[in-house]
N, C-alpha and C. Protein backbone atom coordinates (compact mmCIF):
# COMPACT_ATOMS: atom_id res chain seq x y z
N UNK A 1 -65.74 67.64 38.77
CA UNK A 1 -64.41 68.12 38.45
C UNK A 1 -64.53 69.47 37.74
N UNK A 2 -63.69 70.42 38.11
CA UNK A 2 -63.70 71.74 37.48
C UNK A 2 -63.19 71.62 36.05
N UNK A 3 -63.67 72.52 35.17
CA UNK A 3 -63.20 72.45 33.78
C UNK A 3 -61.69 72.71 33.70
N UNK A 4 -61.07 72.06 32.77
CA UNK A 4 -59.64 72.20 32.56
C UNK A 4 -59.36 73.48 31.80
N UNK A 5 -58.62 74.39 32.40
CA UNK A 5 -58.29 75.65 31.73
C UNK A 5 -57.01 75.49 30.92
N UNK A 6 -56.83 76.37 29.96
CA UNK A 6 -55.62 76.33 29.14
C UNK A 6 -54.39 76.54 30.01
N UNK A 7 -54.49 77.43 30.98
CA UNK A 7 -53.35 77.70 31.87
C UNK A 7 -52.98 76.44 32.67
N UNK A 8 -53.98 75.78 33.22
CA UNK A 8 -53.71 74.57 33.99
C UNK A 8 -53.14 73.48 33.09
N UNK A 9 -53.66 73.37 31.89
CA UNK A 9 -53.16 72.37 30.95
C UNK A 9 -51.70 72.64 30.60
N UNK A 10 -51.36 73.89 30.41
CA UNK A 10 -49.96 74.24 30.11
C UNK A 10 -49.04 73.88 31.28
N UNK A 11 -49.52 74.07 32.49
CA UNK A 11 -48.73 73.70 33.67
C UNK A 11 -48.50 72.19 33.69
N UNK A 12 -49.54 71.42 33.42
CA UNK A 12 -49.41 69.97 33.40
C UNK A 12 -48.47 69.50 32.29
N UNK A 13 -48.56 70.13 31.13
CA UNK A 13 -47.66 69.78 30.03
C UNK A 13 -46.22 70.12 30.37
N UNK A 14 -46.01 71.25 31.01
CA UNK A 14 -44.66 71.65 31.43
C UNK A 14 -44.10 70.66 32.45
N UNK A 15 -44.93 70.28 33.40
CA UNK A 15 -44.50 69.32 34.41
C UNK A 15 -44.10 68.00 33.75
N UNK A 16 -44.91 67.54 32.80
CA UNK A 16 -44.59 66.30 32.10
C UNK A 16 -43.28 66.45 31.31
N UNK A 17 -43.13 67.56 30.60
CA UNK A 17 -41.92 67.78 29.80
C UNK A 17 -40.68 67.83 30.69
N UNK A 18 -40.76 68.52 31.81
CA UNK A 18 -39.62 68.60 32.72
C UNK A 18 -39.27 67.22 33.28
N UNK A 19 -40.28 66.44 33.63
CA UNK A 19 -40.03 65.09 34.13
C UNK A 19 -39.42 64.21 33.05
N UNK A 20 -39.89 64.38 31.84
CA UNK A 20 -39.38 63.60 30.71
C UNK A 20 -37.91 63.93 30.46
N UNK A 21 -37.57 65.20 30.52
CA UNK A 21 -36.18 65.63 30.31
C UNK A 21 -35.29 65.11 31.43
N UNK A 22 -35.75 65.26 32.68
CA UNK A 22 -34.96 64.79 33.82
C UNK A 22 -34.70 63.29 33.74
N UNK A 23 -35.72 62.54 33.36
CA UNK A 23 -35.57 61.09 33.25
C UNK A 23 -34.63 60.72 32.10
N UNK A 24 -34.68 61.47 31.02
CA UNK A 24 -33.78 61.22 29.89
C UNK A 24 -32.34 61.52 30.28
N UNK A 25 -32.14 62.62 31.00
CA UNK A 25 -30.78 63.01 31.38
C UNK A 25 -30.18 62.08 32.44
N UNK A 26 -31.04 61.60 33.32
CA UNK A 26 -30.56 60.72 34.40
C UNK A 26 -31.66 59.73 34.76
N UNK A 27 -31.49 58.52 34.32
CA UNK A 27 -32.49 57.47 34.54
C UNK A 27 -32.35 56.93 35.96
N UNK A 28 -33.15 57.51 36.86
CA UNK A 28 -33.15 57.07 38.26
C UNK A 28 -34.57 56.72 38.66
N UNK A 29 -34.69 56.00 39.76
CA UNK A 29 -36.03 55.64 40.25
C UNK A 29 -36.87 56.87 40.55
N UNK A 30 -36.34 57.89 41.23
CA UNK A 30 -37.16 59.08 41.48
C UNK A 30 -37.59 59.80 40.20
N UNK A 31 -36.72 59.84 39.20
CA UNK A 31 -37.08 60.48 37.94
C UNK A 31 -38.13 59.68 37.19
N UNK A 32 -38.02 58.35 37.23
CA UNK A 32 -39.04 57.51 36.60
C UNK A 32 -40.38 57.69 37.30
N UNK A 33 -40.35 57.77 38.61
CA UNK A 33 -41.59 57.96 39.39
C UNK A 33 -42.21 59.32 39.07
N UNK A 34 -41.39 60.37 38.99
CA UNK A 34 -41.90 61.70 38.67
C UNK A 34 -42.53 61.73 37.28
N UNK A 35 -41.90 61.04 36.34
CA UNK A 35 -42.45 60.96 34.98
C UNK A 35 -43.77 60.21 34.98
N UNK A 36 -43.82 59.09 35.68
CA UNK A 36 -45.05 58.30 35.75
C UNK A 36 -46.18 59.11 36.39
N UNK A 37 -45.87 59.83 37.47
CA UNK A 37 -46.89 60.63 38.15
C UNK A 37 -47.37 61.77 37.26
N UNK A 38 -46.45 62.44 36.57
CA UNK A 38 -46.84 63.54 35.68
C UNK A 38 -47.73 63.02 34.55
N UNK A 39 -47.39 61.85 34.03
CA UNK A 39 -48.19 61.25 32.96
C UNK A 39 -49.59 60.89 33.48
N UNK A 40 -49.65 60.31 34.68
CA UNK A 40 -50.94 59.94 35.25
C UNK A 40 -51.84 61.16 35.46
N UNK A 41 -51.26 62.24 35.96
CA UNK A 41 -52.04 63.46 36.19
C UNK A 41 -52.54 64.03 34.87
N UNK A 42 -51.68 64.06 33.86
CA UNK A 42 -52.09 64.57 32.55
C UNK A 42 -53.17 63.69 31.93
N UNK A 43 -53.03 62.38 32.06
CA UNK A 43 -54.06 61.47 31.54
C UNK A 43 -55.38 61.69 32.26
N UNK A 44 -55.33 61.84 33.55
CA UNK A 44 -56.54 62.06 34.33
C UNK A 44 -57.21 63.38 33.95
N UNK A 45 -56.41 64.43 33.85
CA UNK A 45 -56.96 65.76 33.54
C UNK A 45 -57.61 65.81 32.17
N UNK A 46 -57.03 65.08 31.21
CA UNK A 46 -57.58 65.09 29.85
C UNK A 46 -58.54 63.94 29.62
N UNK A 47 -58.73 63.12 30.64
CA UNK A 47 -59.60 61.93 30.55
C UNK A 47 -59.18 61.04 29.39
N UNK A 48 -57.87 60.75 29.36
CA UNK A 48 -57.30 59.94 28.29
C UNK A 48 -56.75 58.64 28.87
N UNK A 49 -56.78 57.56 28.07
CA UNK A 49 -56.34 56.26 28.57
C UNK A 49 -54.83 56.09 28.68
N UNK A 50 -54.08 56.89 27.92
CA UNK A 50 -52.62 56.76 27.96
C UNK A 50 -51.99 58.11 27.63
N UNK A 51 -50.68 58.20 27.81
CA UNK A 51 -50.01 59.50 27.67
C UNK A 51 -50.04 59.98 26.22
N UNK A 52 -49.94 59.08 25.28
CA UNK A 52 -49.99 59.49 23.87
C UNK A 52 -51.32 60.18 23.56
N UNK A 53 -52.41 59.57 23.98
CA UNK A 53 -53.73 60.16 23.77
C UNK A 53 -53.87 61.46 24.55
N UNK A 54 -53.30 61.52 25.75
CA UNK A 54 -53.38 62.73 26.56
C UNK A 54 -52.65 63.90 25.89
N UNK A 55 -51.49 63.63 25.32
CA UNK A 55 -50.74 64.69 24.64
C UNK A 55 -51.49 65.19 23.41
N UNK A 56 -52.06 64.28 22.64
CA UNK A 56 -52.84 64.69 21.47
C UNK A 56 -54.07 65.49 21.89
N UNK A 57 -54.74 65.04 22.95
CA UNK A 57 -55.92 65.75 23.41
C UNK A 57 -55.54 67.13 23.94
N UNK A 58 -54.42 67.23 24.62
CA UNK A 58 -53.95 68.52 25.12
C UNK A 58 -53.72 69.49 23.95
N UNK A 59 -53.10 68.99 22.89
CA UNK A 59 -52.90 69.82 21.69
C UNK A 59 -54.24 70.32 21.15
N UNK A 60 -55.19 69.40 21.06
CA UNK A 60 -56.52 69.77 20.55
C UNK A 60 -57.20 70.81 21.44
N UNK A 61 -57.12 70.61 22.75
CA UNK A 61 -57.76 71.54 23.67
C UNK A 61 -57.12 72.93 23.60
N UNK A 62 -55.81 72.98 23.52
CA UNK A 62 -55.13 74.28 23.43
C UNK A 62 -55.42 74.97 22.10
N UNK A 63 -55.47 74.19 21.03
CA UNK A 63 -55.79 74.77 19.72
C UNK A 63 -57.20 75.33 19.71
N UNK A 64 -58.11 74.67 20.40
CA UNK A 64 -59.50 75.14 20.45
C UNK A 64 -59.64 76.41 21.26
N UNK A 65 -58.72 76.64 22.19
CA UNK A 65 -58.77 77.84 23.04
C UNK A 65 -58.53 79.12 22.24
N UNK A 66 -57.64 79.04 21.26
CA UNK A 66 -57.29 80.24 20.50
C UNK A 66 -57.12 79.88 19.03
N UNK A 67 -58.20 79.51 18.35
CA UNK A 67 -58.08 79.05 16.96
C UNK A 67 -57.50 80.11 16.02
N UNK A 68 -57.69 81.39 16.35
CA UNK A 68 -57.16 82.44 15.48
C UNK A 68 -55.64 82.48 15.48
N UNK A 69 -55.00 81.84 16.47
CA UNK A 69 -53.55 81.83 16.53
C UNK A 69 -52.94 80.66 15.78
N UNK A 70 -53.78 79.80 15.23
CA UNK A 70 -53.29 78.58 14.60
C UNK A 70 -53.61 78.57 13.11
N UNK A 71 -52.62 78.08 12.35
CA UNK A 71 -52.85 77.80 10.94
C UNK A 71 -53.63 76.49 10.87
N UNK A 72 -54.11 76.12 9.71
CA UNK A 72 -54.75 74.81 9.61
C UNK A 72 -53.83 73.74 10.20
N UNK A 73 -54.41 72.79 10.91
CA UNK A 73 -53.64 71.80 11.67
C UNK A 73 -52.51 71.15 10.88
N UNK A 74 -52.80 70.69 9.70
CA UNK A 74 -51.76 69.98 8.95
C UNK A 74 -50.63 70.92 8.55
N UNK A 75 -50.94 72.14 8.20
CA UNK A 75 -49.91 73.09 7.80
C UNK A 75 -49.08 73.55 8.98
N UNK A 76 -49.70 73.72 10.11
CA UNK A 76 -49.01 74.25 11.28
C UNK A 76 -48.27 73.19 12.07
N UNK A 77 -48.53 71.93 11.81
CA UNK A 77 -47.90 70.89 12.61
C UNK A 77 -48.36 70.96 14.05
N UNK A 78 -49.67 71.02 14.26
CA UNK A 78 -50.24 71.24 15.59
C UNK A 78 -49.81 70.18 16.60
N UNK A 79 -49.44 69.03 16.14
CA UNK A 79 -49.07 67.97 17.07
C UNK A 79 -47.55 67.85 17.24
N UNK A 80 -46.80 68.80 16.79
CA UNK A 80 -45.34 68.73 16.87
C UNK A 80 -44.85 68.59 18.31
N UNK A 81 -45.43 69.35 19.22
CA UNK A 81 -45.03 69.26 20.63
C UNK A 81 -45.25 67.86 21.15
N UNK A 82 -46.39 67.29 20.84
CA UNK A 82 -46.68 65.93 21.30
C UNK A 82 -45.70 64.92 20.71
N UNK A 83 -45.37 65.08 19.47
CA UNK A 83 -44.42 64.15 18.84
C UNK A 83 -43.07 64.21 19.53
N UNK A 84 -42.62 65.41 19.87
CA UNK A 84 -41.33 65.57 20.54
C UNK A 84 -41.36 64.92 21.91
N UNK A 85 -42.44 65.13 22.65
CA UNK A 85 -42.53 64.59 24.00
C UNK A 85 -42.66 63.06 24.00
N UNK A 86 -43.13 62.48 22.91
CA UNK A 86 -43.30 61.02 22.87
C UNK A 86 -42.05 60.31 22.42
N UNK A 87 -41.07 61.02 21.88
CA UNK A 87 -39.86 60.34 21.39
C UNK A 87 -38.85 60.17 22.48
């Protein structure tokens, strides 16, 4: 498997977020399926057992890509995006 790039990871996160929003706005079978598929792809790409772990790992991977852009994790709320997507 090719290494996961930050750009590809951002695309996967965007796809998951869009599916999550669509499913929240209109709970339909196609929207649930799109959300499930986006979650599965993100879990696979990050080699995580579930979506919660995948979102946290994605945060960690993106933070590692450009550490100079981040404050210390606790001060910056590095996992804020993941928390929003999980609610």
